[in-house]
Protein backbone atom coordinates (compact mmCIF):
# COMPACT_ATOMS: atom_id res chain seq x y z
CA MET A 1 -44.73 -123.75 43.62
CA GLU A 2 -46.85 -120.76 44.56
CA HIS A 3 -47.86 -120.31 48.16
CA THR A 4 -51.58 -119.65 48.75
CA TYR A 5 -53.51 -119.00 51.91
CA SER A 6 -57.14 -118.04 52.53
CA VAL A 7 -59.47 -118.27 55.50
CA GLY A 8 -63.09 -117.43 56.20
CA SER A 9 -64.22 -116.47 59.69
CA ASN A 10 -67.68 -117.12 61.09
CA PRO A 11 -69.60 -113.81 60.96
CA VAL A 12 -71.53 -114.87 64.08
CA TYR A 13 -69.53 -114.05 67.20
CA TYR A 14 -68.76 -116.97 69.50
CA ASP A 15 -70.53 -116.35 72.79
CA LYS A 16 -70.29 -119.71 74.56
CA GLN A 17 -72.64 -121.57 72.22
CA ASN A 18 -72.89 -125.33 72.64
CA LEU A 19 -71.15 -125.82 69.29
CA HIS A 20 -69.53 -123.22 67.08
CA VAL A 21 -67.32 -123.31 63.96
CA LEU A 22 -64.81 -120.49 64.36
CA PHE A 23 -63.23 -120.42 60.90
CA ALA A 24 -62.29 -122.53 57.88
CA GLY A 25 -59.40 -122.14 55.48
CA GLU A 26 -57.16 -123.63 52.83
CA SER A 27 -53.50 -123.34 51.89
CA GLN A 28 -50.91 -124.58 49.45
CA THR A 29 -47.88 -124.59 51.74
CA LEU A 30 -44.27 -123.96 50.83
CA PRO A 31 -41.60 -126.65 51.28
CA LEU A 32 -40.73 -127.15 54.95
CA HIS A 33 -43.53 -124.85 56.09
CA GLN A 34 -43.91 -125.41 59.84
CA ALA A 35 -46.52 -124.54 62.43
CA GLY A 36 -45.65 -124.90 66.11
CA PRO A 37 -44.74 -126.38 68.45
CA LYS A 38 -47.75 -124.63 70.00
CA ILE A 39 -51.07 -125.25 71.69
CA TYR A 40 -54.59 -124.19 70.66
CA ASP A 41 -57.66 -123.53 72.80
CA TYR A 42 -60.06 -125.02 70.21
CA TYR A 43 -60.29 -128.11 68.02
CA LEU A 44 -58.52 -127.75 64.66
CA LEU A 45 -59.10 -130.36 61.95
CA HIS A 46 -56.87 -130.57 58.84
CA PHE A 47 -57.61 -132.51 55.66
CA ILE A 48 -54.65 -133.09 53.30
CA GLU A 49 -55.67 -132.73 49.65
CA SER A 50 -52.20 -133.36 48.19
CA GLY A 51 -48.55 -133.58 49.13
CA SER A 52 -47.12 -134.94 52.34
CA GLY A 53 -45.70 -133.88 55.68
CA THR A 54 -45.26 -134.67 59.34
CA PHE A 55 -47.66 -134.14 62.22
CA ARG A 56 -46.15 -134.39 65.70
CA THR A 57 -48.00 -134.63 69.01
CA GLU A 58 -46.74 -134.99 72.56
CA GLN A 59 -46.91 -138.77 72.14
CA ARG A 60 -45.60 -139.52 68.62
CA LYS A 61 -44.92 -138.46 65.05
CA TYR A 62 -47.13 -139.23 62.01
CA GLU A 63 -46.12 -139.22 58.34
CA LEU A 64 -49.27 -138.13 56.49
CA GLY A 65 -50.30 -137.62 52.89
CA GLN A 66 -53.22 -137.20 50.51
CA GLY A 67 -56.58 -138.14 52.04
CA ASP A 68 -55.34 -138.11 55.63
CA CYS A 69 -56.82 -135.98 58.41
CA PHE A 70 -55.36 -134.90 61.70
CA LEU A 71 -57.25 -133.35 64.61
CA ILE A 72 -55.53 -131.03 67.04
CA HIS A 73 -57.10 -131.16 70.50
CA PRO A 74 -57.28 -128.10 72.78
CA GLY A 75 -54.33 -127.80 75.13
CA GLN A 76 -52.18 -130.32 73.24
CA LEU A 77 -48.66 -129.31 72.23
CA VAL A 78 -48.35 -130.04 68.49
CA SER A 79 -46.38 -129.11 65.39
CA TYR A 80 -46.71 -129.94 61.71
CA LEU A 81 -44.21 -129.65 58.88
CA SER A 82 -44.62 -129.80 55.09
CA ASP A 83 -42.42 -132.09 53.04
CA GLU A 84 -39.40 -130.52 51.37
CA LYS A 85 -40.19 -131.87 47.89
CA ARG A 86 -43.96 -132.40 48.02
CA PRO A 87 -45.36 -129.80 50.44
CA TRP A 88 -48.92 -130.45 51.34
CA ARG A 89 -52.02 -128.61 50.34
CA TYR A 90 -54.65 -128.81 53.03
CA ARG A 91 -57.93 -127.46 54.29
CA TRP A 92 -58.80 -126.85 57.91
CA ALA A 93 -61.70 -125.98 60.19
CA ALA A 94 -61.68 -124.87 63.83
CA PHE A 95 -64.56 -125.45 66.23
CA THR A 96 -65.33 -125.16 69.93
CA GLY A 97 -68.24 -125.15 72.39
CA ALA A 98 -69.64 -127.06 75.36
CA GLU A 99 -70.68 -130.00 73.15
CA ALA A 100 -67.44 -130.18 71.17
CA ASP A 101 -65.78 -132.75 73.45
CA ALA A 102 -68.73 -135.13 73.24
CA LEU A 103 -68.93 -134.67 69.47
CA VAL A 104 -65.25 -135.49 69.00
CA LEU A 105 -65.60 -138.52 71.27
CA GLN A 106 -68.12 -140.00 68.82
CA THR A 107 -65.62 -139.78 65.97
CA GLY A 108 -62.96 -141.85 67.71
CA PHE A 109 -60.39 -139.04 67.51
CA THR A 110 -58.36 -138.96 70.73
CA PRO A 111 -55.09 -137.31 71.75
CA GLN A 112 -53.61 -140.82 71.50
CA LYS A 113 -55.13 -141.44 68.04
CA PRO A 114 -55.57 -138.05 66.34
CA VAL A 115 -55.28 -139.15 62.70
CA LEU A 116 -57.67 -140.68 60.17
CA SER A 117 -57.29 -141.94 56.62
CA THR A 118 -60.33 -141.27 54.43
CA ALA A 119 -61.57 -143.11 51.37
CA GLU A 120 -61.94 -141.81 47.83
CA GLY A 121 -64.98 -139.56 47.54
CA SER A 122 -64.74 -138.24 51.10
CA VAL A 123 -67.20 -135.44 51.89
CA ILE A 124 -64.73 -133.72 54.21
CA PRO A 125 -62.91 -131.39 51.75
CA ALA A 126 -66.16 -130.27 50.12
CA ALA A 127 -67.69 -129.66 53.56
CA MET A 128 -64.73 -127.51 54.57
CA ALA A 129 -64.98 -125.59 51.29
CA GLY A 130 -68.69 -125.11 51.97
CA MET A 131 -67.89 -123.61 55.36
CA MET A 132 -65.51 -121.11 53.77
CA GLN A 133 -68.06 -120.10 51.14
CA ALA A 134 -70.73 -119.65 53.80
CA PHE A 135 -68.43 -117.45 55.87
CA TYR A 136 -67.40 -115.38 52.86
CA ALA A 137 -71.10 -114.72 52.17
CA ASN A 138 -71.14 -112.99 55.59
CA LYS A 139 -74.71 -113.92 56.45
CA GLU A 140 -76.07 -114.69 59.91
CA SER A 141 -77.22 -118.07 58.59
CA ALA A 142 -73.57 -119.03 57.97
CA HIS A 143 -73.37 -120.18 61.58
CA LEU A 144 -76.05 -122.84 61.06
CA THR A 145 -74.71 -123.77 57.63
CA SER A 146 -71.25 -124.38 59.07
CA LEU A 147 -72.71 -126.62 61.79
CA GLY A 148 -74.43 -128.68 59.10
CA TYR A 149 -71.11 -129.17 57.35
CA LEU A 150 -69.42 -129.99 60.64
CA TYR A 151 -71.92 -132.76 61.33
CA LEU A 152 -71.27 -134.20 57.85
CA ILE A 153 -67.57 -134.29 58.64
CA VAL A 154 -68.13 -135.85 62.05
CA GLY A 155 -70.48 -138.45 60.56
CA GLU A 156 -67.87 -139.61 58.06
CA ALA A 157 -65.07 -139.59 60.61
CA ALA A 158 -67.15 -141.63 63.06
CA GLU A 159 -68.01 -144.22 60.41
CA ARG A 160 -64.36 -144.53 59.32
CA HIS A 161 -63.17 -145.03 62.88
CA ILE A 162 -65.93 -147.55 63.60
CA SER A 163 -65.09 -149.46 60.42
CA SER A 164 -61.40 -149.57 61.24
CA SER A 165 -62.04 -150.91 64.75
CA ARG A 166 -64.55 -153.60 63.81
CA LEU A 167 -63.74 -157.27 64.00
CA SER A 168 -62.97 -158.83 60.64
CA GLY A 169 -64.82 -161.49 58.70
CA ALA A 170 -68.15 -163.21 59.16
CA GLU A 171 -68.09 -162.99 62.96
CA SER A 172 -67.93 -159.21 62.77
CA GLN A 173 -70.85 -159.06 60.34
CA VAL A 174 -72.97 -161.30 62.55
CA LYS A 175 -72.35 -159.17 65.63
CA ARG A 176 -73.14 -155.97 63.73
CA THR A 177 -76.35 -157.44 62.35
CA VAL A 178 -77.53 -158.64 65.77
CA LYS A 179 -76.74 -155.22 67.22
CA GLN A 180 -78.84 -153.66 64.44
CA MET A 181 -81.71 -155.99 65.33
CA ILE A 182 -81.52 -155.03 68.99
CA HIS A 183 -81.44 -151.32 68.12
CA TYR A 184 -84.40 -151.77 65.77
CA MET A 185 -86.51 -153.48 68.42
CA ALA A 186 -85.51 -150.98 71.11
CA SER A 187 -86.68 -148.09 68.93
CA GLN A 188 -89.79 -149.74 67.45
CA TYR A 189 -91.26 -151.79 70.32
CA ALA A 190 -94.00 -149.20 70.93
CA HIS A 191 -95.37 -149.79 67.43
CA PRO A 192 -97.14 -152.97 66.33
CA VAL A 193 -94.15 -154.04 64.24
CA SER A 194 -93.45 -157.65 63.39
CA ILE A 195 -90.25 -159.65 63.05
CA GLU A 196 -91.01 -159.91 59.31
CA GLN A 197 -91.00 -156.12 59.03
CA MET A 198 -87.70 -155.94 60.85
CA CYS A 199 -86.16 -158.54 58.56
CA GLY A 200 -87.37 -156.63 55.53
CA SER A 201 -85.94 -153.39 56.91
CA LEU A 202 -82.53 -155.00 57.46
CA GLY A 203 -82.54 -156.84 54.13
CA TYR A 204 -82.18 -160.42 55.42
CA ASN A 205 -84.52 -163.41 55.47
CA ARG A 206 -86.18 -164.36 58.74
CA ALA A 207 -84.57 -167.80 59.07
CA TYR A 208 -81.04 -166.38 58.90
CA LEU A 209 -81.73 -163.53 61.34
CA SER A 210 -83.49 -165.83 63.80
CA ARG A 211 -80.55 -168.23 63.75
CA ILE A 212 -77.80 -165.66 64.32
CA PHE A 213 -79.86 -163.75 66.90
CA LYS A 214 -80.40 -166.85 69.03
CA GLN A 215 -76.76 -167.76 68.56
CA GLU A 216 -75.67 -164.41 70.01
CA THR A 217 -78.36 -163.79 72.66
CA GLY A 218 -79.80 -167.19 73.52
CA LEU A 219 -83.30 -165.94 72.60
CA SER A 220 -85.35 -165.92 69.43
CA PRO A 221 -86.17 -162.44 68.04
CA VAL A 222 -89.86 -163.02 68.84
CA THR A 223 -89.11 -163.82 72.48
CA TYR A 224 -86.64 -160.94 72.82
CA LEU A 225 -89.15 -158.43 71.44
CA LEU A 226 -91.92 -159.75 73.67
CA LYS A 227 -89.72 -159.63 76.78
CA LEU A 228 -88.71 -156.08 75.87
CA ARG A 229 -92.37 -155.06 75.59
CA ILE A 230 -93.29 -156.73 78.87
CA GLU A 231 -90.38 -155.01 80.64
CA LYS A 232 -91.46 -151.63 79.26
CA SER A 233 -95.04 -152.34 80.33
CA ARG A 234 -93.91 -153.11 83.87
CA GLN A 235 -92.31 -149.67 84.00
CA LEU A 236 -95.52 -148.03 82.81
CA LEU A 237 -97.63 -149.98 85.29
CA ARG A 238 -95.39 -148.79 88.12
CA GLU A 239 -94.93 -145.18 87.04
CA ARG A 240 -98.20 -144.29 85.27
CA PRO A 241 -101.11 -145.38 87.49
CA GLU A 242 -103.52 -143.22 85.48
CA LEU A 243 -103.14 -145.51 82.44
CA SER A 244 -105.50 -148.43 82.01
CA VAL A 245 -104.15 -151.90 81.23
CA GLU A 246 -105.43 -151.47 77.66
CA GLN A 247 -103.54 -148.18 77.31
CA VAL A 248 -100.36 -149.73 78.69
CA ALA A 249 -100.66 -152.62 76.24
CA ALA A 250 -101.11 -150.24 73.29
CA SER A 251 -98.16 -148.16 74.48
CA VAL A 252 -95.83 -151.13 74.12
CA GLY A 253 -97.09 -152.16 70.70
CA LEU A 254 -99.60 -154.84 71.75
CA THR A 255 -103.07 -153.85 70.58
CA ASP A 256 -104.80 -156.98 71.94
CA ALA A 257 -105.17 -156.36 75.69
CA LEU A 258 -106.16 -159.97 76.37
CA TYR A 259 -103.04 -161.30 74.62
CA PHE A 260 -100.95 -158.76 76.51
CA SER A 261 -102.39 -159.89 79.86
CA ARG A 262 -101.70 -163.56 79.05
CA GLN A 263 -98.10 -162.85 78.05
CA PHE A 264 -97.56 -160.59 81.05
CA LYS A 265 -98.68 -163.36 83.39
CA ARG A 266 -96.48 -165.82 81.52
CA PHE A 267 -93.35 -163.75 82.17
CA CYS A 268 -94.24 -162.17 85.54
CA ALA A 269 -96.38 -164.91 87.16
CA GLN A 270 -99.16 -162.41 87.88
CA SER A 271 -101.63 -160.29 85.95
CA PRO A 272 -100.86 -156.67 85.02
CA THR A 273 -103.43 -155.45 87.55
CA ALA A 274 -102.00 -157.62 90.33
CA TYR A 275 -98.48 -156.44 89.48
CA ARG A 276 -99.57 -152.80 89.62
CA ILE A 277 -101.21 -153.29 93.02
CA SER A 278 -98.16 -155.09 94.41
CA THR A 279 -95.81 -152.29 93.34
CA SER A 280 -98.01 -149.29 94.06
CA ARG A 281 -97.42 -146.83 96.88
CA PRO A 282 -100.05 -146.53 99.66
CA GLY A 283 -102.82 -144.12 98.74
CA GLU A 284 -102.35 -144.37 94.97
CA LYS A 285 -105.54 -144.79 93.01
CA GLN A 286 -105.46 -147.83 90.76
CA GLN A 287 -107.02 -148.02 87.31
CA PRO A 288 -109.11 -151.06 86.33
């Protein structure tokens, strides 16, 4: 088996950017090829295209093969060894920067769990190859291109880790769907969206979503969305005295100011104007 090794380095010099891909490479290793034990001062992700080998951290040893990834964290003592009969072929990419820790945290990679098994059709090897090609082109834009590929890799890794940690069965699906509903309402409350639109966006009928939402939260979706809007309006009434009641209502997705005032009084036991007066600081000018 012929040994191959190639690496492309980012033509843009690393000067403490928030996120920076340092280099990307690929290699067909020889039997019993070993790296380490050693430490790195950057993140180093490997994707195994074929063959097998052993990755060892300070905590444990992992037997890895085709489709597996392992992430080396900065400052961690690690070593990795190719199999004697089926040495691995892998790709790698190194990255660093002030935002690197937070980015890795989103993927679920930790020093205690630094490995990931991908599914068929993974974007990771193609993304790493794309980084190399961009670096070989030696253009200033390669820096941005490599970050795009890095985010593709992180996106897949995060989804794989989330999927592997989810609860199984129908209960898991229900909780995920309710969480999606809450996220939808939290991001769309300022627009005059309806529960029907949300159901259509999520691909479920209204009766089913209403049932599971109340089961998980104790509230109907309609009530939850209305309470969310009223809570946001209370914040605006306190913090933005220059806004009229009509403008506050429109800002939380309720275009009928009279309906907004009725619902506000229903939940807060006072009108929007009375609430604003009761929470205002002395000397503040109130809007009608």
